[in-house]
Every structure is written in structure tokens, then in C-alpha cells.
N, C-alpha and C. Protein backbone atom coordinates (compact mmCIF):
# COMPACT_ATOMS: atom_id res chain seq x y z
N MET A 1 32.62 170.54 -68.10
CA MET A 1 33.01 171.70 -67.79
C MET A 1 32.70 171.92 -66.09
N THR A 2 33.71 172.86 -65.90
CA THR A 2 33.73 173.36 -64.34
C THR A 2 33.00 174.02 -64.05
N GLN A 3 31.90 174.07 -63.19
CA GLN A 3 31.40 175.04 -62.52
C GLN A 3 32.66 175.96 -61.71
N GLN A 4 31.71 177.27 -61.80
CA GLN A 4 32.74 178.19 -61.21
C GLN A 4 31.84 179.33 -60.30
N TYR A 5 31.72 179.27 -58.96
CA TYR A 5 30.98 180.00 -58.04
C TYR A 5 31.25 181.34 -58.88
N ARG A 6 29.83 182.43 -58.45
CA ARG A 6 30.13 183.50 -58.82
C ARG A 6 31.48 184.24 -57.67
N SER A 7 31.96 183.92 -56.46
CA SER A 7 32.80 184.39 -55.68
C SER A 7 33.84 184.57 -56.35
N GLU A 8 34.17 183.22 -56.84
CA GLU A 8 35.14 183.08 -57.32
C GLU A 8 35.54 184.19 -58.64
N ALA A 9 34.16 183.95 -59.85
CA ALA A 9 34.23 184.49 -61.13
C ALA A 9 34.89 186.31 -60.21
N LEU A 10 34.61 186.78 -59.72
CA LEU A 10 34.44 187.93 -59.14
C LEU A 10 35.68 187.79 -58.89
N GLU A 11 35.85 187.26 -57.70
CA GLU A 11 37.21 187.39 -57.40
C GLU A 11 38.73 187.33 -58.89
N GLU A 12 38.50 186.52 -59.92
CA GLU A 12 39.18 186.42 -61.05
C GLU A 12 38.96 187.89 -61.74
N LYS A 13 37.53 188.86 -61.98
CA LYS A 13 37.60 189.64 -62.88
C LYS A 13 38.25 190.59 -62.09
N LEU A 14 38.49 190.86 -60.88
CA LEU A 14 39.16 191.67 -59.82
C LEU A 14 40.87 191.57 -59.75
N ARG A 15 41.34 190.00 -60.32
CA ARG A 15 42.36 189.60 -59.92
C ARG A 15 42.95 190.34 -61.61
N MET A 16 42.16 189.82 -62.14
CA MET A 16 42.75 190.25 -64.03
C MET A 16 42.95 191.91 -64.35
N LEU A 17 41.86 192.55 -63.54
CA LEU A 17 42.01 194.38 -63.46
C LEU A 17 43.13 194.41 -62.98
N HIS A 18 43.39 193.98 -61.63
CA HIS A 18 44.39 194.19 -61.17
C HIS A 18 45.81 194.13 -61.69
N ASP A 19 45.73 192.81 -62.72
CA ASP A 19 47.28 192.46 -63.07
C ASP A 19 47.15 193.00 -64.71
N ASN A 20 46.56 193.21 -65.35
CA ASN A 20 46.25 193.75 -66.45
C ASN A 20 46.00 195.21 -67.21
N VAL A 21 46.08 195.98 -65.58
CA VAL A 21 46.06 197.57 -65.90
C VAL A 21 46.98 198.31 -64.93
N GLU A 22 48.15 198.90 -65.90
CA GLU A 22 48.93 199.49 -64.75
C GLU A 22 48.96 200.53 -63.94
N GLY A 23 49.47 200.05 -62.06
CA GLY A 23 48.98 201.47 -61.95
C GLY A 23 47.70 201.02 -60.52
N VAL A 24 46.86 200.23 -60.89
CA VAL A 24 45.57 199.57 -60.15
C VAL A 24 46.59 199.15 -58.77
N LYS A 25 46.06 199.64 -57.50
CA LYS A 25 46.20 199.38 -56.30
C LYS A 25 45.73 197.78 -55.80
N ALA A 26 44.01 198.53 -55.73
CA ALA A 26 43.41 197.91 -55.01
C ALA A 26 41.59 197.99 -55.87
N THR A 27 41.01 197.13 -55.61
CA THR A 27 39.61 196.93 -56.28
C THR A 27 38.66 196.12 -55.17
N VAL A 28 37.27 196.89 -55.05
CA VAL A 28 36.50 196.28 -54.24
C VAL A 28 34.78 196.09 -54.76
N ILE A 29 34.35 195.30 -54.68
CA ILE A 29 33.12 195.36 -55.71
C ILE A 29 32.01 195.30 -54.17
N VAL A 30 31.22 196.02 -53.84
CA VAL A 30 30.14 196.68 -52.82
C VAL A 30 28.69 196.42 -53.52
N ASN A 31 28.06 196.19 -52.75
CA ASN A 31 26.04 196.18 -52.99
C ASN A 31 25.65 197.68 -52.66
N VAL A 32 24.82 197.70 -53.10
CA VAL A 32 23.71 198.92 -53.19
C VAL A 32 24.04 198.98 -51.46
N ASP A 33 23.95 198.19 -50.42
CA ASP A 33 23.73 198.22 -49.08
C ASP A 33 24.92 198.65 -48.65
N GLY A 34 25.96 198.60 -49.18
CA GLY A 34 27.54 198.92 -48.93
C GLY A 34 28.32 197.70 -48.01
N LEU A 35 27.63 196.80 -48.17
CA LEU A 35 28.13 195.46 -47.83
C LEU A 35 29.28 195.02 -49.03
N LEU A 36 30.69 194.41 -48.72
CA LEU A 36 31.33 193.90 -49.32
C LEU A 36 31.11 192.60 -50.09
N VAL A 37 31.43 193.06 -51.51
CA VAL A 37 31.20 191.21 -52.18
C VAL A 37 32.43 191.01 -52.22
N ALA A 38 33.28 191.23 -52.85
CA ALA A 38 34.89 191.09 -53.30
C ALA A 38 35.75 192.08 -53.13
N ALA A 39 36.86 191.74 -53.36
CA ALA A 39 38.39 192.70 -52.96
C ALA A 39 39.47 192.09 -53.64
N PHE A 40 40.28 192.87 -53.89
CA PHE A 40 41.50 192.10 -54.51
C PHE A 40 42.46 193.50 -54.65
N PRO A 41 43.58 193.17 -53.92
CA PRO A 41 44.24 191.99 -53.28
C PRO A 41 42.67 191.55 -51.93
N PRO A 42 42.77 189.98 -51.47
CA PRO A 42 42.24 190.07 -50.55
C PRO A 42 42.53 190.80 -49.22
N GLY A 43 41.47 191.45 -48.32
CA GLY A 43 41.68 191.64 -46.81
C GLY A 43 42.26 190.97 -46.20
N ASP A 44 43.44 191.87 -45.25
CA ASP A 44 44.35 190.71 -44.64
C ASP A 44 44.08 191.66 -43.01
N GLU A 45 43.09 190.91 -41.86
CA GLU A 45 42.77 191.25 -40.49
C GLU A 45 44.30 192.11 -40.10
N GLU A 46 45.03 191.34 -40.17
CA GLU A 46 46.55 191.66 -39.65
C GLU A 46 47.18 192.54 -40.33
N ASN A 47 46.71 192.78 -41.47
CA ASN A 47 47.58 193.93 -41.96
C ASN A 47 46.60 194.34 -42.74
N PRO A 48 45.60 195.34 -42.30
CA PRO A 48 44.32 196.08 -42.64
C PRO A 48 45.04 196.94 -44.10
N HIS A 49 46.16 197.12 -44.15
CA HIS A 49 46.55 198.03 -45.13
C HIS A 49 47.46 197.52 -46.68
N GLU A 50 47.38 196.25 -46.48
CA GLU A 50 47.55 195.64 -47.45
C GLU A 50 46.31 195.74 -48.56
N ASN A 51 45.58 195.69 -48.45
CA ASN A 51 44.04 196.27 -49.12
C ASN A 51 43.30 197.44 -48.32
N PRO A 52 43.33 198.85 -48.72
CA PRO A 52 42.46 199.30 -47.82
C PRO A 52 41.40 199.49 -48.20
N THR A 53 40.84 199.25 -49.55
CA THR A 53 39.26 199.45 -49.73
C THR A 53 38.57 198.25 -49.31
N SER A 54 39.38 196.86 -48.73
CA SER A 54 38.66 196.06 -48.50
C SER A 54 38.22 196.15 -47.01
N SER A 55 38.24 197.29 -46.67
CA SER A 55 37.08 196.85 -44.98
C SER A 55 35.73 197.52 -45.23
N PRO A 56 34.79 197.17 -44.09
CA PRO A 56 33.41 197.50 -44.47
C PRO A 56 33.39 198.97 -44.43
N GLN A 57 34.41 199.88 -43.65
CA GLN A 57 33.99 201.01 -43.93
C GLN A 57 33.81 201.40 -45.00
N VAL A 58 35.09 201.12 -45.73
CA VAL A 58 35.11 201.45 -47.17
C VAL A 58 33.89 201.28 -47.84
N ALA A 59 33.44 200.02 -47.74
CA ALA A 59 32.30 199.59 -49.05
C ALA A 59 31.12 200.36 -48.43
N ALA A 60 31.06 200.78 -47.08
CA ALA A 60 29.79 201.56 -46.88
C ALA A 60 30.10 202.88 -47.29
N MET A 61 30.95 203.25 -47.18
CA MET A 61 31.62 205.15 -48.01
C MET A 61 30.93 204.76 -49.14
N SER A 62 31.75 203.85 -50.23
CA SER A 62 31.37 204.16 -51.52
C SER A 62 30.30 203.38 -51.93
N ALA A 63 29.30 202.87 -51.32
CA ALA A 63 28.14 202.70 -51.59
C ALA A 63 27.29 203.89 -51.25
N THR A 64 27.48 204.80 -49.99
CA THR A 64 26.62 205.83 -49.44
C THR A 64 27.24 207.36 -50.75
N LEU A 65 28.67 207.31 -50.99
CA LEU A 65 29.14 207.97 -52.45
C LEU A 65 28.25 207.98 -54.04
N ILE A 66 27.99 206.86 -53.76
CA ILE A 66 27.29 206.20 -55.11
C ILE A 66 25.85 206.73 -55.07
N GLY A 67 25.50 206.49 -54.25
CA GLY A 67 24.02 207.39 -53.74
C GLY A 67 23.84 208.31 -54.05
N LEU A 68 24.88 209.23 -53.31
CA LEU A 68 24.43 210.60 -53.31
C LEU A 68 24.91 211.07 -54.66
N ALA A 69 25.83 210.38 -55.47
CA ALA A 69 26.05 210.63 -56.80
C ALA A 69 24.71 210.70 -57.81
N GLU A 70 24.46 209.51 -57.56
CA GLU A 70 22.93 208.92 -58.56
C GLU A 70 22.18 210.44 -58.05
N ARG A 71 21.88 210.33 -57.03
CA ARG A 71 20.03 211.57 -56.48
C ARG A 71 20.87 212.74 -56.86
N THR A 72 21.86 213.00 -56.83
CA THR A 72 22.18 214.80 -57.40
C THR A 72 22.12 215.07 -59.06
N LEU A 73 22.62 213.54 -59.64
CA LEU A 73 22.71 213.74 -61.21
C LEU A 73 20.70 213.72 -61.22
N GLY A 74 20.14 212.80 -61.06
CA GLY A 74 19.08 212.81 -60.87
C GLY A 74 18.24 214.07 -60.23
N ARG A 75 18.12 214.45 -59.06
CA ARG A 75 17.82 216.59 -59.08
C ARG A 75 18.16 217.41 -59.75
N LEU A 76 19.52 216.99 -60.71
CA LEU A 76 20.15 217.96 -61.83
C LEU A 76 19.20 217.79 -62.77
N ALA A 77 18.70 216.51 -62.97
CA ALA A 77 18.08 216.18 -64.61
C ALA A 77 19.55 216.00 -65.55
N GLN A 78 20.95 215.14 -65.04
CA GLN A 78 21.63 214.90 -65.90
C GLN A 78 21.80 213.79 -66.32
N GLY A 79 20.59 212.38 -65.55
CA GLY A 79 20.62 210.83 -66.67
C GLY A 79 21.82 210.47 -65.13
N GLU A 80 21.32 209.08 -65.90
CA GLU A 80 21.89 208.14 -65.27
C GLU A 80 23.83 208.28 -64.72
N LEU A 81 24.32 207.91 -63.67
CA LEU A 81 25.21 207.99 -63.49
C LEU A 81 26.22 207.16 -64.19
N GLU A 82 27.34 207.68 -64.52
CA GLU A 82 28.57 206.36 -65.45
C GLU A 82 29.54 206.13 -64.75
N ARG A 83 30.04 207.23 -64.21
CA ARG A 83 31.23 206.87 -63.02
C ARG A 83 30.98 207.92 -62.29
N LEU A 84 31.87 207.62 -60.99
CA LEU A 84 32.37 208.54 -59.76
C LEU A 84 34.07 208.23 -60.07
N LEU A 85 34.77 209.53 -59.90
CA LEU A 85 36.15 209.84 -59.64
C LEU A 85 36.56 210.73 -58.61
N MET A 86 37.44 210.28 -57.86
CA MET A 86 37.83 211.80 -56.65
C MET A 86 39.15 211.43 -56.96
N GLU A 87 39.72 212.27 -57.10
CA GLU A 87 41.22 212.57 -57.27
C GLU A 87 41.82 212.98 -55.80
N GLY A 88 43.11 212.82 -55.77
CA GLY A 88 43.61 213.32 -53.92
C GLY A 88 44.96 213.54 -54.49
N GLU A 89 46.02 213.64 -53.61
CA GLU A 89 46.86 213.66 -53.68
C GLU A 89 47.96 212.84 -53.81
N GLU A 90 47.43 211.64 -53.17
CA GLU A 90 48.19 210.41 -53.52
C GLU A 90 47.80 209.31 -54.32
N GLY A 91 47.04 210.04 -54.98
CA GLY A 91 46.09 208.58 -56.19
C GLY A 91 44.17 209.17 -56.02
N VAL A 92 43.85 208.04 -57.05
CA VAL A 92 42.79 208.06 -57.53
C VAL A 92 41.76 207.47 -57.49
N MET A 93 40.46 207.53 -56.83
CA MET A 93 39.30 206.32 -56.71
C MET A 93 38.59 206.52 -57.70
N VAL A 94 38.06 205.61 -58.90
CA VAL A 94 37.35 205.30 -59.25
C VAL A 94 35.67 204.56 -59.23
N VAL A 95 34.74 205.00 -59.17
CA VAL A 95 33.59 203.99 -58.51
C VAL A 95 32.93 204.22 -60.07
N TYR A 96 32.46 202.38 -60.77
CA TYR A 96 31.53 202.48 -61.57
C TYR A 96 30.59 201.62 -61.22
N PRO A 97 29.28 202.21 -61.32
CA PRO A 97 27.85 201.23 -61.01
C PRO A 97 28.36 199.76 -61.85
N ALA A 98 27.70 198.72 -61.34
CA ALA A 98 27.66 197.69 -61.79
C ALA A 98 26.16 197.23 -61.04
N GLY A 99 25.37 196.87 -62.49
CA GLY A 99 23.63 196.80 -61.67
C GLY A 99 23.47 197.18 -59.87
N ARG A 100 23.47 196.06 -59.49
CA ARG A 100 23.00 196.95 -57.95
C ARG A 100 23.91 196.32 -57.26
N ALA A 101 25.53 196.88 -57.47
CA ALA A 101 26.44 196.79 -57.13
C ALA A 101 27.11 197.74 -57.47
N SER A 102 28.60 198.26 -57.08
CA SER A 102 29.21 198.69 -58.06
C SER A 102 30.81 198.68 -57.52
N LEU A 103 31.65 199.10 -58.72
CA LEU A 103 33.02 198.50 -58.70
C LEU A 103 33.68 199.67 -58.50
N ALA A 104 34.89 199.78 -57.01
CA ALA A 104 35.61 200.59 -57.30
C ALA A 104 37.13 200.34 -57.60
N VAL A 105 37.75 201.09 -57.86
CA VAL A 105 39.05 200.84 -57.99
C VAL A 105 40.04 201.83 -56.94
N LEU A 106 41.23 201.93 -57.07
CA LEU A 106 42.16 202.59 -56.09
C LEU A 106 43.62 202.77 -57.31
N VAL A 107 43.38 203.52 -57.40
CA VAL A 107 44.50 203.81 -58.77
C VAL A 107 46.11 204.67 -58.22
N ALA A 108 47.09 204.67 -58.56
CA ALA A 108 48.43 205.22 -58.51
C ALA A 108 48.15 206.49 -59.00
N LYS A 109 48.44 207.78 -58.72
CA LYS A 109 48.44 209.09 -59.53
C LYS A 109 49.32 209.00 -60.54
N ASN A 110 50.17 208.31 -60.61
CA ASN A 110 50.55 208.25 -62.43
C ASN A 110 50.60 207.46 -63.43
N ALA A 111 49.26 206.71 -63.11
CA ALA A 111 48.34 205.78 -63.68
C ALA A 111 48.04 206.40 -64.94
N ARG A 112 47.79 205.93 -65.81
CA ARG A 112 47.26 206.59 -67.49
C ARG A 112 45.98 206.03 -67.03
N ILE A 113 44.93 207.35 -67.15
CA ILE A 113 43.64 207.38 -66.34
C ILE A 113 42.84 206.82 -67.48
N ALA A 114 43.20 207.35 -68.65
CA ALA A 114 42.19 206.98 -69.95
C ALA A 114 42.32 205.14 -69.96
N GLN A 115 43.62 204.40 -69.49
CA GLN A 115 43.44 203.29 -69.91
C GLN A 115 42.49 202.62 -68.66
N VAL A 116 42.82 202.92 -67.62
CA VAL A 116 41.74 203.00 -66.19
C VAL A 116 40.65 202.63 -66.38
N LEU A 117 40.24 203.76 -67.00
CA LEU A 117 38.73 204.23 -66.77
C LEU A 117 37.85 202.90 -67.74
N SER A 118 38.74 203.07 -69.13
CA SER A 118 38.60 201.86 -69.94
C SER A 118 38.03 200.34 -69.31
N ALA A 119 39.24 200.12 -68.90
CA ALA A 119 39.20 198.63 -68.45
C ALA A 119 38.17 198.85 -67.24
N THR A 120 38.29 199.56 -66.69
CA THR A 120 37.32 199.19 -65.29
C THR A 120 35.48 199.39 -65.62
N LYS A 121 35.23 200.22 -66.47
CA LYS A 121 33.97 200.47 -67.05
C LYS A 121 33.76 199.00 -67.65
N LYS A 122 34.52 198.26 -68.38
CA LYS A 122 34.61 197.01 -69.04
C LYS A 122 33.98 195.88 -68.09
N ALA A 123 35.30 195.85 -67.00
CA ALA A 123 35.29 195.43 -65.79
C ALA A 123 33.39 195.19 -64.92
N ALA A 124 33.28 196.39 -65.06
CA ALA A 124 31.90 196.71 -64.00
C ALA A 124 30.67 195.88 -64.62
N ALA A 125 31.06 196.19 -66.36
CA ALA A 125 29.42 195.46 -67.02
C ALA A 125 29.69 193.97 -66.42
N GLU A 126 31.03 193.36 -66.72
CA GLU A 126 31.04 192.24 -66.40
C GLU A 126 31.07 191.95 -65.38
N VAL A 127 30.78 192.65 -64.54
CA VAL A 127 30.41 192.23 -62.91
C VAL A 127 29.01 192.44 -62.96
N ALA A 128 28.39 192.81 -62.89
CA ALA A 128 26.96 192.82 -63.15
C ALA A 128 26.07 191.86 -63.96
N GLU A 129 26.64 191.71 -64.69
CA GLU A 129 26.66 190.20 -65.82
C GLU A 129 26.64 188.76 -64.95
N ILE A 130 27.67 188.77 -63.98
CA ILE A 130 28.20 187.70 -63.42
C ILE A 130 27.32 187.57 -62.14
N LEU A 131 26.84 188.86 -61.30
CA LEU A 131 25.77 189.25 -60.62
C LEU A 131 24.68 189.14 -60.79
N GLY A 132 24.33 188.67 -62.51
CA GLY A 132 22.75 188.52 -62.79
C GLY A 132 21.90 189.94 -62.50
N TYR A 133 22.86 191.11 -62.58
CA TYR A 133 22.19 192.28 -62.53
C TYR A 133 21.72 193.00 -64.39
């Protein structure tokens, strides 16, 4: 049996989410410190708009948003964070906790959000397992 590195397994998981869920434009995994763990499509320094979520700034902002959401829910005694959903004029950003990391997905505005949420929740659990969280 061939050994697969974590980075390869994470990239494969993101690729599958991207390929199997219509409307997914980009995906990224960030750790709690705001460091980029994996992204799909992979970032391109010459064309940063290829995957806008793969920049270090977006990774840091995603980690900050998750941290704020978790603290807010805790302060309001609303339990653990299940997901963070931000909707804009051009699309939707969904972020699910994945252990000590988070899975963020950039989605087209016209995507079937229920399908996206279900697939992203499952993928986040699988990411947490790959990372050993």
C-alpha cells in the first residue's frame, strides 16, 4: 500500500470538494494561527486572482473570524461553533471548524447552498481526521 502524505491527502480532499460540488470556486484550510495549510486550486504568485483564498492574508483573516465567532458564541452561551457563513453580492464564504484548523470554501452566489453546506461539513470532519485532530 502506498503511503500518502498529509499534504497530498488534504489537497485531494479539497480537489474532490471542488470537483463534486457545483459552484465551489476555491477552498482553503487554515490552522488556528492563521497559517495556510492547503488550498485548491493551488495559489499562483503570478496570478493571485486564480485562487483568492490561497493568500496568507485571507488565511489570517479566516482564522481571526473563526476565533471571534467562537468567542462570541461562548460569551452568549450558544454552544460550539458549527459554521460561519458570510454572504456577499458576488458569492458566499462558508467556514467550518476542522479540529485545530478550519476549512473555508468560496462559493458562487447561485450555488445550491444546502449541497455546499452538507459536503463542506463532511469534508471538514475528514480534514480534522487527516490532521489528527
